[in-house]
Amino acid sequence: MNKMRKENSLAGIIQQTDTVFVARHLGSHFYSVGLMLQLSEEELDDIVNTYPEDIIRQAMTMLSSWIQKNTTDATWDALIGAVRKLDLNMVAEDLEALIGRSANNANIT
């Protein structure tokens, strides 16, 4: 794990630079996750229409939008919590591994 990612995970705030890694794990689940993160259907539909053949770009754009709107609340816990609410536990575990958090030590609300 590089130093920047480790610092981000400790701070809890997701950075724009993390979106590519997260997007790869979300894949086609990005739309449902975006809804859980309080993005509107209209905004998500616009993202899909802008990048119709590129799921990773769609997920990255959704995450970037969420981060911009929720600068201090765009945390790993919020994202992983949204993923878990959708019963995407394997994705949640992948994200926890990405930030170096043990699933047993996660503090998800």
N, C-alpha and C. Protein backbone atom coordinates (compact mmCIF):
# COMPACT_ATOMS: atom_id res chain seq x y z
N MET A 1 0.85 -1.16 0.00
CA MET A 1 0.00 0.00 0.00
C MET A 1 0.90 1.23 0.00
N ASN A 2 0.61 2.19 -0.88
CA ASN A 2 1.46 3.36 -0.90
C ASN A 2 1.11 4.29 0.25
N LYS A 3 2.02 5.21 0.53
CA LYS A 3 1.87 6.11 1.69
C LYS A 3 0.59 6.93 1.59
N MET A 4 0.28 7.46 0.39
CA MET A 4 -0.90 8.29 0.24
C MET A 4 -2.17 7.51 0.58
N ARG A 5 -2.32 6.30 0.07
CA ARG A 5 -3.51 5.53 0.33
C ARG A 5 -3.63 5.22 1.83
N LYS A 6 -2.52 4.93 2.47
CA LYS A 6 -2.55 4.63 3.89
C LYS A 6 -2.98 5.87 4.67
N GLU A 7 -2.47 7.05 4.32
CA GLU A 7 -2.88 8.27 5.00
C GLU A 7 -4.36 8.54 4.78
N ASN A 8 -4.86 8.32 3.55
CA ASN A 8 -6.27 8.53 3.26
C ASN A 8 -7.14 7.59 4.09
N SER A 9 -6.72 6.34 4.22
CA SER A 9 -7.52 5.39 4.96
C SER A 9 -7.57 5.76 6.43
N LEU A 10 -6.48 6.29 6.94
CA LEU A 10 -6.46 6.70 8.33
C LEU A 10 -7.34 7.92 8.55
N ALA A 11 -7.35 8.84 7.59
CA ALA A 11 -8.16 10.04 7.70
C ALA A 11 -9.64 9.72 7.50
N GLY A 12 -9.92 8.65 6.78
CA GLY A 12 -11.30 8.26 6.55
C GLY A 12 -11.97 8.92 5.37
N ILE A 13 -11.37 9.95 4.81
CA ILE A 13 -11.95 10.67 3.69
C ILE A 13 -11.45 10.06 2.39
N ILE A 14 -12.38 9.81 1.47
CA ILE A 14 -12.01 9.28 0.15
C ILE A 14 -11.52 10.46 -0.70
N GLN A 15 -10.42 10.26 -1.37
CA GLN A 15 -9.85 11.29 -2.23
C GLN A 15 -10.22 11.02 -3.69
N GLN A 16 -10.20 12.07 -4.50
CA GLN A 16 -10.47 11.90 -5.93
C GLN A 16 -9.53 10.87 -6.54
N THR A 17 -8.31 10.82 -6.06
CA THR A 17 -7.33 9.88 -6.60
C THR A 17 -7.68 8.42 -6.32
N ASP A 18 -8.58 8.20 -5.36
CA ASP A 18 -9.00 6.83 -5.03
C ASP A 18 -10.11 6.31 -5.95
N THR A 19 -10.73 7.19 -6.72
CA THR A 19 -11.93 6.79 -7.46
C THR A 19 -11.67 5.70 -8.48
N VAL A 20 -10.52 5.69 -9.11
CA VAL A 20 -10.25 4.66 -10.12
C VAL A 20 -10.19 3.28 -9.48
N PHE A 21 -9.57 3.20 -8.32
CA PHE A 21 -9.47 1.91 -7.63
C PHE A 21 -10.84 1.44 -7.13
N VAL A 22 -11.59 2.37 -6.57
CA VAL A 22 -12.92 2.03 -6.06
C VAL A 22 -13.84 1.65 -7.20
N ALA A 23 -13.78 2.40 -8.29
CA ALA A 23 -14.64 2.15 -9.45
C ALA A 23 -14.46 0.73 -9.98
N ARG A 24 -13.26 0.25 -9.98
CA ARG A 24 -13.00 -1.11 -10.46
C ARG A 24 -13.71 -2.15 -9.60
N HIS A 25 -13.84 -1.86 -8.33
CA HIS A 25 -14.51 -2.79 -7.43
C HIS A 25 -16.04 -2.66 -7.50
N LEU A 26 -16.53 -1.45 -7.73
CA LEU A 26 -17.98 -1.26 -7.81
C LEU A 26 -18.55 -1.78 -9.12
N GLY A 27 -17.85 -1.51 -10.21
CA GLY A 27 -18.33 -1.95 -11.52
C GLY A 27 -19.77 -1.56 -11.76
N SER A 28 -20.57 -2.50 -12.21
CA SER A 28 -21.96 -2.21 -12.57
C SER A 28 -22.85 -1.92 -11.36
N HIS A 29 -22.34 -2.11 -10.16
CA HIS A 29 -23.11 -1.80 -8.96
C HIS A 29 -23.10 -0.30 -8.64
N PHE A 30 -22.35 0.48 -9.43
CA PHE A 30 -22.18 1.90 -9.12
C PHE A 30 -23.52 2.63 -9.01
N TYR A 31 -24.49 2.28 -9.86
CA TYR A 31 -25.77 3.01 -9.89
C TYR A 31 -26.50 2.83 -8.55
N SER A 32 -26.62 1.60 -8.10
CA SER A 32 -27.28 1.33 -6.82
C SER A 32 -26.54 1.98 -5.66
N VAL A 33 -25.22 1.91 -5.71
CA VAL A 33 -24.42 2.53 -4.66
C VAL A 33 -24.62 4.04 -4.69
N GLY A 34 -24.66 4.62 -5.88
CA GLY A 34 -24.91 6.06 -6.01
C GLY A 34 -26.24 6.47 -5.39
N LEU A 35 -27.27 5.67 -5.61
CA LEU A 35 -28.56 5.97 -4.98
C LEU A 35 -28.46 5.90 -3.46
N MET A 36 -27.74 4.90 -2.96
CA MET A 36 -27.55 4.78 -1.51
C MET A 36 -26.79 5.97 -0.94
N LEU A 37 -25.94 6.56 -1.76
CA LEU A 37 -25.15 7.72 -1.34
C LEU A 37 -25.88 9.04 -1.59
N GLN A 38 -27.17 8.92 -1.88
CA GLN A 38 -28.06 10.08 -2.04
C GLN A 38 -27.84 10.88 -3.32
N LEU A 39 -27.29 10.27 -4.35
CA LEU A 39 -27.25 10.92 -5.65
C LEU A 39 -28.60 10.66 -6.32
N SER A 40 -29.03 11.59 -7.14
CA SER A 40 -30.35 11.47 -7.76
C SER A 40 -30.30 10.53 -8.97
N GLU A 41 -31.46 9.97 -9.29
CA GLU A 41 -31.57 9.13 -10.49
C GLU A 41 -31.22 9.94 -11.73
N GLU A 42 -31.64 11.20 -11.75
CA GLU A 42 -31.35 12.06 -12.90
C GLU A 42 -29.84 12.23 -13.09
N GLU A 43 -29.13 12.48 -12.00
CA GLU A 43 -27.69 12.63 -12.09
C GLU A 43 -27.02 11.33 -12.55
N LEU A 44 -27.47 10.21 -12.00
CA LEU A 44 -26.89 8.92 -12.38
C LEU A 44 -27.22 8.58 -13.83
N ASP A 45 -28.44 8.89 -14.26
CA ASP A 45 -28.80 8.66 -15.66
C ASP A 45 -27.94 9.51 -16.59
N ASP A 46 -27.67 10.76 -16.20
CA ASP A 46 -26.79 11.62 -17.00
C ASP A 46 -25.40 11.02 -17.14
N ILE A 47 -24.90 10.45 -16.05
CA ILE A 47 -23.58 9.81 -16.07
C ILE A 47 -23.59 8.63 -17.03
N VAL A 48 -24.63 7.80 -16.95
CA VAL A 48 -24.74 6.64 -17.85
C VAL A 48 -24.81 7.09 -19.30
N ASN A 49 -25.58 8.14 -19.57
CA ASN A 49 -25.72 8.62 -20.95
C ASN A 49 -24.44 9.28 -21.46
N THR A 50 -23.67 9.86 -20.57
CA THR A 50 -22.42 10.50 -20.97
C THR A 50 -21.35 9.47 -21.31
N TYR A 51 -21.33 8.36 -20.57
CA TYR A 51 -20.33 7.30 -20.78
C TYR A 51 -21.03 5.95 -20.96
N PRO A 52 -21.81 5.80 -22.04
CA PRO A 52 -22.67 4.61 -22.18
C PRO A 52 -21.93 3.28 -22.28
N GLU A 53 -20.71 3.27 -22.71
CA GLU A 53 -19.99 2.01 -22.92
C GLU A 53 -18.86 1.81 -21.91
N ASP A 54 -18.80 2.62 -20.87
CA ASP A 54 -17.65 2.60 -19.98
C ASP A 54 -18.09 2.58 -18.51
N ILE A 55 -18.32 1.38 -17.99
CA ILE A 55 -18.80 1.21 -16.61
C ILE A 55 -17.81 1.81 -15.61
N ILE A 56 -16.54 1.63 -15.83
CA ILE A 56 -15.54 2.16 -14.89
C ILE A 56 -15.61 3.68 -14.86
N ARG A 57 -15.71 4.30 -16.02
CA ARG A 57 -15.83 5.77 -16.08
C ARG A 57 -17.12 6.22 -15.40
N GLN A 58 -18.20 5.48 -15.59
CA GLN A 58 -19.46 5.82 -14.93
C GLN A 58 -19.28 5.78 -13.41
N ALA A 59 -18.66 4.73 -12.92
CA ALA A 59 -18.45 4.59 -11.48
C ALA A 59 -17.52 5.69 -10.95
N MET A 60 -16.46 5.99 -11.69
CA MET A 60 -15.55 7.05 -11.27
C MET A 60 -16.25 8.40 -11.22
N THR A 61 -17.09 8.67 -12.20
CA THR A 61 -17.80 9.94 -12.25
C THR A 61 -18.81 10.04 -11.12
N MET A 62 -19.50 8.95 -10.82
CA MET A 62 -20.44 8.93 -9.69
C MET A 62 -19.70 9.22 -8.40
N LEU A 63 -18.58 8.55 -8.19
CA LEU A 63 -17.80 8.76 -6.97
C LEU A 63 -17.28 10.20 -6.89
N SER A 64 -16.79 10.73 -7.99
CA SER A 64 -16.30 12.11 -8.00
C SER A 64 -17.40 13.09 -7.65
N SER A 65 -18.57 12.86 -8.19
CA SER A 65 -19.71 13.73 -7.89
C SER A 65 -20.07 13.67 -6.41
N TRP A 66 -20.11 12.46 -5.88
CA TRP A 66 -20.41 12.28 -4.45
C TRP A 66 -19.36 12.97 -3.57
N ILE A 67 -18.09 12.81 -3.92
CA ILE A 67 -17.01 13.43 -3.15
C ILE A 67 -17.13 14.96 -3.20
N GLN A 68 -17.41 15.51 -4.37
CA GLN A 68 -17.53 16.96 -4.51
C GLN A 68 -18.69 17.51 -3.69
N LYS A 69 -19.79 16.78 -3.64
CA LYS A 69 -20.97 17.24 -2.91
C LYS A 69 -20.86 17.03 -1.40
N ASN A 70 -20.02 16.12 -0.99
CA ASN A 70 -19.93 15.73 0.41
C ASN A 70 -18.48 15.74 0.88
N THR A 71 -17.83 16.84 0.70
CA THR A 71 -16.39 16.93 0.93
C THR A 71 -15.95 16.28 2.24
N THR A 72 -16.61 16.60 3.34
CA THR A 72 -16.17 16.05 4.63
C THR A 72 -16.89 14.77 5.00
N ASP A 73 -17.99 14.46 4.32
CA ASP A 73 -18.76 13.26 4.64
C ASP A 73 -18.51 12.10 3.67
N ALA A 74 -17.67 12.32 2.68
CA ALA A 74 -17.36 11.27 1.70
C ALA A 74 -16.27 10.38 2.29
N THR A 75 -16.68 9.55 3.23
CA THR A 75 -15.73 8.72 3.97
C THR A 75 -15.78 7.27 3.49
N TRP A 76 -14.73 6.56 3.83
CA TRP A 76 -14.70 5.12 3.54
C TRP A 76 -15.83 4.42 4.27
N ASP A 77 -16.09 4.83 5.52
CA ASP A 77 -17.18 4.19 6.27
C ASP A 77 -18.53 4.40 5.58
N ALA A 78 -18.78 5.61 5.07
CA ALA A 78 -20.05 5.88 4.38
C ALA A 78 -20.17 5.03 3.12
N LEU A 79 -19.11 4.96 2.35
CA LEU A 79 -19.13 4.17 1.11
C LEU A 79 -19.30 2.69 1.41
N ILE A 80 -18.50 2.17 2.32
CA ILE A 80 -18.58 0.74 2.65
C ILE A 80 -19.93 0.42 3.28
N GLY A 81 -20.45 1.33 4.09
CA GLY A 81 -21.77 1.13 4.68
C GLY A 81 -22.85 1.05 3.61
N ALA A 82 -22.78 1.92 2.60
CA ALA A 82 -23.75 1.88 1.50
C ALA A 82 -23.65 0.57 0.73
N VAL A 83 -22.43 0.12 0.49
CA VAL A 83 -22.21 -1.14 -0.22
C VAL A 83 -22.77 -2.30 0.59
N ARG A 84 -22.56 -2.30 1.89
CA ARG A 84 -23.08 -3.38 2.74
C ARG A 84 -24.61 -3.36 2.81
N LYS A 85 -25.22 -2.19 2.80
CA LYS A 85 -26.69 -2.11 2.81
C LYS A 85 -27.30 -2.75 1.57
N LEU A 86 -26.54 -2.80 0.51
CA LEU A 86 -26.98 -3.46 -0.72
C LEU A 86 -26.59 -4.93 -0.75
N ASP A 87 -26.09 -5.44 0.36
CA ASP A 87 -25.64 -6.83 0.48
C ASP A 87 -24.54 -7.18 -0.50
N LEU A 88 -23.70 -6.21 -0.80
CA LEU A 88 -22.55 -6.44 -1.67
C LEU A 88 -21.32 -6.65 -0.79
N ASN A 89 -21.41 -7.68 0.03
CA ASN A 89 -20.38 -7.91 1.04
C ASN A 89 -19.00 -8.20 0.46
N MET A 90 -18.95 -8.89 -0.66
CA MET A 90 -17.65 -9.16 -1.29
C MET A 90 -17.00 -7.85 -1.75
N VAL A 91 -17.80 -6.95 -2.29
CA VAL A 91 -17.29 -5.64 -2.72
C VAL A 91 -16.82 -4.86 -1.49
N ALA A 92 -17.61 -4.90 -0.42
CA ALA A 92 -17.23 -4.21 0.82
C ALA A 92 -15.91 -4.74 1.35
N GLU A 93 -15.75 -6.04 1.33
CA GLU A 93 -14.50 -6.63 1.79
C GLU A 93 -13.33 -6.23 0.91
N ASP A 94 -13.56 -6.14 -0.40
CA ASP A 94 -12.51 -5.69 -1.31
C ASP A 94 -12.10 -4.25 -0.99
N LEU A 95 -13.09 -3.40 -0.71
CA LEU A 95 -12.79 -2.01 -0.38
C LEU A 95 -12.04 -1.91 0.95
N GLU A 96 -12.44 -2.72 1.90
CA GLU A 96 -11.74 -2.74 3.18
C GLU A 96 -10.29 -3.19 3.00
N ALA A 97 -10.09 -4.17 2.15
CA ALA A 97 -8.73 -4.63 1.86
C ALA A 97 -7.93 -3.53 1.16
N LEU A 98 -8.61 -2.79 0.29
CA LEU A 98 -7.96 -1.71 -0.44
C LEU A 98 -7.38 -0.66 0.51
N ILE A 99 -8.08 -0.38 1.58
CA ILE A 99 -7.60 0.63 2.52
C ILE A 99 -6.85 0.01 3.70
N GLY A 100 -6.69 -1.30 3.66
CA GLY A 100 -5.91 -1.97 4.68
C GLY A 100 -6.64 -2.18 5.98
N ARG A 101 -7.95 -2.29 5.90
CA ARG A 101 -8.75 -2.49 7.10
C ARG A 101 -9.20 -3.94 7.15
N SER A 102 -9.04 -4.56 8.28
CA SER A 102 -9.55 -5.90 8.48
C SER A 102 -11.06 -5.85 8.62
N ALA A 103 -11.75 -6.76 7.98
CA ALA A 103 -13.21 -6.81 8.09
C ALA A 103 -13.65 -6.95 9.54
N ASN A 104 -12.85 -7.62 10.33
CA ASN A 104 -13.19 -7.79 11.75
C ASN A 104 -13.02 -6.51 12.55
N ASN A 105 -12.23 -5.58 12.05
CA ASN A 105 -11.99 -4.33 12.77
C ASN A 105 -12.78 -3.16 12.19
N ALA A 106 -13.61 -3.41 11.20
CA ALA A 106 -14.37 -2.33 10.57
C ALA A 106 -15.39 -1.77 11.54
N ASN A 107 -15.57 -0.46 11.47
CA ASN A 107 -16.54 0.22 12.30
C ASN A 107 -17.60 0.82 11.38
N ILE A 108 -18.44 -0.02 10.84
CA ILE A 108 -19.46 0.40 9.89
C ILE A 108 -20.76 0.64 10.62
N THR A 109 -21.37 1.79 10.36
CA THR A 109 -22.66 2.11 10.97
C THR A 109 -23.75 2.09 9.95
